Protein backbone atom coordinates (compact mmCIF):
# COMPACT_ATOMS: atom_id res chain seq x y z
CA MET A 1 38.11 -9.14 -5.73
CA LYS A 2 34.78 -7.63 -3.97
CA ILE A 3 34.94 -4.67 -5.45
CA ILE A 4 35.16 -5.84 -8.91
CA LEU A 5 31.88 -8.41 -8.18
CA ALA A 6 29.92 -5.59 -6.27
CA VAL A 7 30.56 -3.10 -9.52
CA VAL A 8 29.49 -6.23 -11.65
CA LEU A 9 26.53 -6.76 -9.75
CA LEU A 10 25.19 -3.74 -9.93
CA PHE A 11 26.34 -2.88 -13.12
CA VAL A 12 23.90 -5.87 -14.42
CA SER A 13 21.15 -5.39 -12.17
CA HIS A 14 20.82 -1.37 -12.95
CA PHE A 15 20.85 -2.54 -16.85
CA SER A 16 18.36 -6.04 -16.28
CA TYR A 17 15.81 -3.60 -14.73
CA ALA A 18 16.03 -1.04 -17.13
CA ALA A 19 15.32 -3.46 -19.97
CA ASP A 20 12.13 -5.33 -18.15
CA ALA A 21 8.77 -2.82 -18.26
CA ILE A 22 7.19 -5.30 -16.15
CA TYR A 23 9.04 -5.91 -12.70
CA THR A 24 9.30 -9.66 -12.40
CA GLY A 25 12.75 -10.11 -10.12
CA PHE A 26 15.65 -11.86 -11.09
CA PHE A 27 14.65 -15.90 -11.36
CA SER A 28 11.24 -15.39 -12.22
CA ASN A 29 8.36 -14.22 -15.06
CA LYS A 30 5.91 -13.84 -12.73
CA ALA A 31 4.63 -10.36 -13.08
CA VAL A 32 3.42 -9.29 -9.07
CA SER A 33 5.06 -12.64 -7.88
CA GLY A 34 2.63 -14.45 -8.76
CA TYR A 35 -0.57 -12.48 -7.63
CA ASP A 36 -3.64 -11.57 -9.23
CA THR A 37 -3.68 -8.21 -9.90
CA VAL A 38 -7.89 -8.08 -10.55
CA ALA A 39 -8.31 -9.11 -6.58
CA TYR A 40 -7.18 -6.08 -5.30
CA PHE A 41 -9.99 -4.39 -6.90
CA THR A 42 -12.66 -6.89 -6.64
CA ASP A 43 -11.70 -8.71 -3.35
CA ASN A 44 -9.51 -5.81 -1.74
CA GLN A 45 -6.45 -7.96 -0.50
CA PRO A 46 -3.78 -9.53 -2.43
CA ILE A 47 -4.30 -13.06 -3.34
CA LYS A 48 -1.97 -15.87 -5.48
CA GLY A 49 -3.21 -16.72 -8.44
CA SER A 50 -2.61 -20.27 -10.55
CA SER A 51 -0.92 -21.20 -13.12
CA GLU A 52 -4.34 -22.68 -14.06
CA PHE A 53 -4.89 -18.78 -15.05
CA GLN A 54 -2.55 -17.13 -16.97
CA VAL A 55 -1.55 -15.30 -19.47
CA GLU A 56 1.13 -13.36 -20.93
CA TYR A 57 1.32 -9.78 -21.15
CA GLN A 58 4.16 -7.61 -21.78
CA GLY A 59 6.52 -10.34 -21.76
CA ALA A 60 6.05 -11.07 -18.38
CA ASP A 61 3.29 -14.20 -17.03
CA TRP A 62 0.09 -12.78 -15.00
CA PHE A 63 -1.87 -15.29 -13.19
CA PHE A 64 -5.36 -15.26 -11.91
CA VAL A 65 -7.37 -17.22 -9.23
CA SER A 66 -10.62 -17.39 -11.83
CA LYS A 67 -11.11 -17.68 -15.85
CA LYS A 68 -13.43 -14.74 -14.65
CA HIS A 69 -10.37 -12.68 -13.44
CA LEU A 70 -8.04 -13.71 -16.33
CA ASP A 71 -11.01 -12.33 -18.60
CA MET A 72 -11.19 -9.48 -16.89
CA PHE A 73 -8.05 -8.27 -17.20
CA ASN A 74 -7.29 -9.52 -20.80
CA ALA A 75 -10.31 -7.28 -21.54
CA ASP A 76 -8.64 -4.11 -19.83
CA PRO A 77 -5.19 -4.86 -18.61
CA GLU A 78 -4.14 -1.33 -18.06
CA LYS A 79 -7.04 -1.08 -15.60
CA TYR A 80 -5.38 -4.12 -13.80
CA ALA A 81 -1.46 -3.66 -13.84
CA PRO A 82 -0.07 -2.05 -11.31
CA GLN A 83 1.33 1.26 -12.33
CA TYR A 84 5.30 1.83 -13.15
CA GLY A 85 5.08 -1.64 -14.00
CA GLY A 86 5.07 -3.09 -10.60
CA TYR A 87 8.21 -1.30 -9.63
CA CYS A 88 8.02 -0.02 -6.44
CA ALA A 89 6.06 3.63 -6.63
CA TRP A 90 7.65 5.20 -3.99
CA ALA A 91 11.11 4.79 -5.47
CA ILE A 92 10.16 5.65 -8.69
CA SER A 93 9.05 8.80 -7.62
CA ASP A 94 11.80 9.80 -4.61
CA GLN A 95 14.45 7.99 -6.05
CA ASN A 96 13.75 8.36 -9.89
CA ASP A 97 15.03 4.59 -9.84
CA PHE A 98 13.69 1.38 -10.18
CA ALA A 99 13.59 -1.07 -7.02
CA SER A 100 11.50 -4.50 -6.33
CA SER A 101 8.01 -4.42 -4.59
CA ASP A 102 6.20 -6.55 -2.31
CA PRO A 103 2.72 -7.34 -3.05
CA GLN A 104 1.66 -6.91 0.14
CA GLN A 105 2.83 -3.29 0.34
CA TRP A 106 -0.26 -2.25 -2.29
CA ALA A 107 -3.22 0.71 -2.41
CA ILE A 108 -5.66 1.90 -4.88
CA VAL A 109 -5.65 5.13 -5.84
CA ASP A 110 -7.84 7.02 -8.33
CA GLY A 111 -8.59 3.37 -9.68
CA LYS A 112 -4.74 2.63 -10.40
CA LEU A 113 -2.75 -0.15 -8.26
CA TYR A 114 0.31 1.38 -6.50
CA LEU A 115 2.95 -1.61 -4.92
CA ASN A 116 5.63 -0.65 -2.91
CA TYR A 117 9.44 -2.25 -1.48
CA SER A 118 8.07 -2.33 2.48
CA LYS A 119 5.93 -1.63 5.03
CA ASP A 120 8.28 1.27 5.73
CA VAL A 121 8.82 2.48 2.34
CA LYS A 122 4.64 2.39 1.79
CA GLU A 123 4.34 4.34 4.62
CA LYS A 124 6.85 6.95 3.28
CA TRP A 125 4.93 7.13 0.00
CA ASP A 126 1.42 6.91 1.72
CA ALA A 127 2.32 10.32 3.91
CA ASP A 128 2.22 12.35 0.58
CA ARG A 129 0.66 9.79 -2.11
CA VAL A 130 -0.29 13.13 -4.22
CA LEU A 131 3.41 14.15 -4.28
CA HIS A 132 4.83 10.73 -4.93
CA ILE A 133 2.72 10.13 -8.03
CA GLN A 134 3.33 13.02 -9.84
CA GLN A 135 7.12 12.54 -9.22
CA ALA A 136 6.53 8.88 -9.96
CA ASP A 137 4.50 9.79 -12.92
CA LYS A 138 7.00 12.35 -14.30
CA ASN A 139 10.44 9.65 -13.37
CA TRP A 140 8.57 6.48 -14.73
CA PRO A 141 9.21 7.67 -18.52
CA LYS A 142 12.41 8.47 -18.92
CA LEU A 143 13.35 5.30 -16.37
CA ILE A 144 11.43 2.88 -18.80
CA THR A 145 13.17 3.98 -22.08
CA LYS A 146 16.71 3.87 -20.71
């Protein structure tokens, strides 16, 4: 019975991830767990957004700390949305697969926001960001069309 349950969970999680362009987790529709993606650029830190300043983009709900941040995002969502739909950048690169991300494990490289699964995983990604970005850029289009 445990084996059947494990196979079913693996099957469901793999296909549900592949269907979503933006990572929101299983029980939420919040992009980046409700963190304000503009704040990474303007405040140099992750800050939880508010439902008062919210927009739907690519099927997910995005939250911001102010109308100003909401307006900045609406003017150029590609600039502020995390790469690879907010999935773990290292997993997209190294594993050629989807994994969740932690909004606290982030980096901005060449004006783009990248998120990773955990502190340990981010350290692996940080060890060769250029290589991981190149690999993930190559892997992402094929993953997202599955």
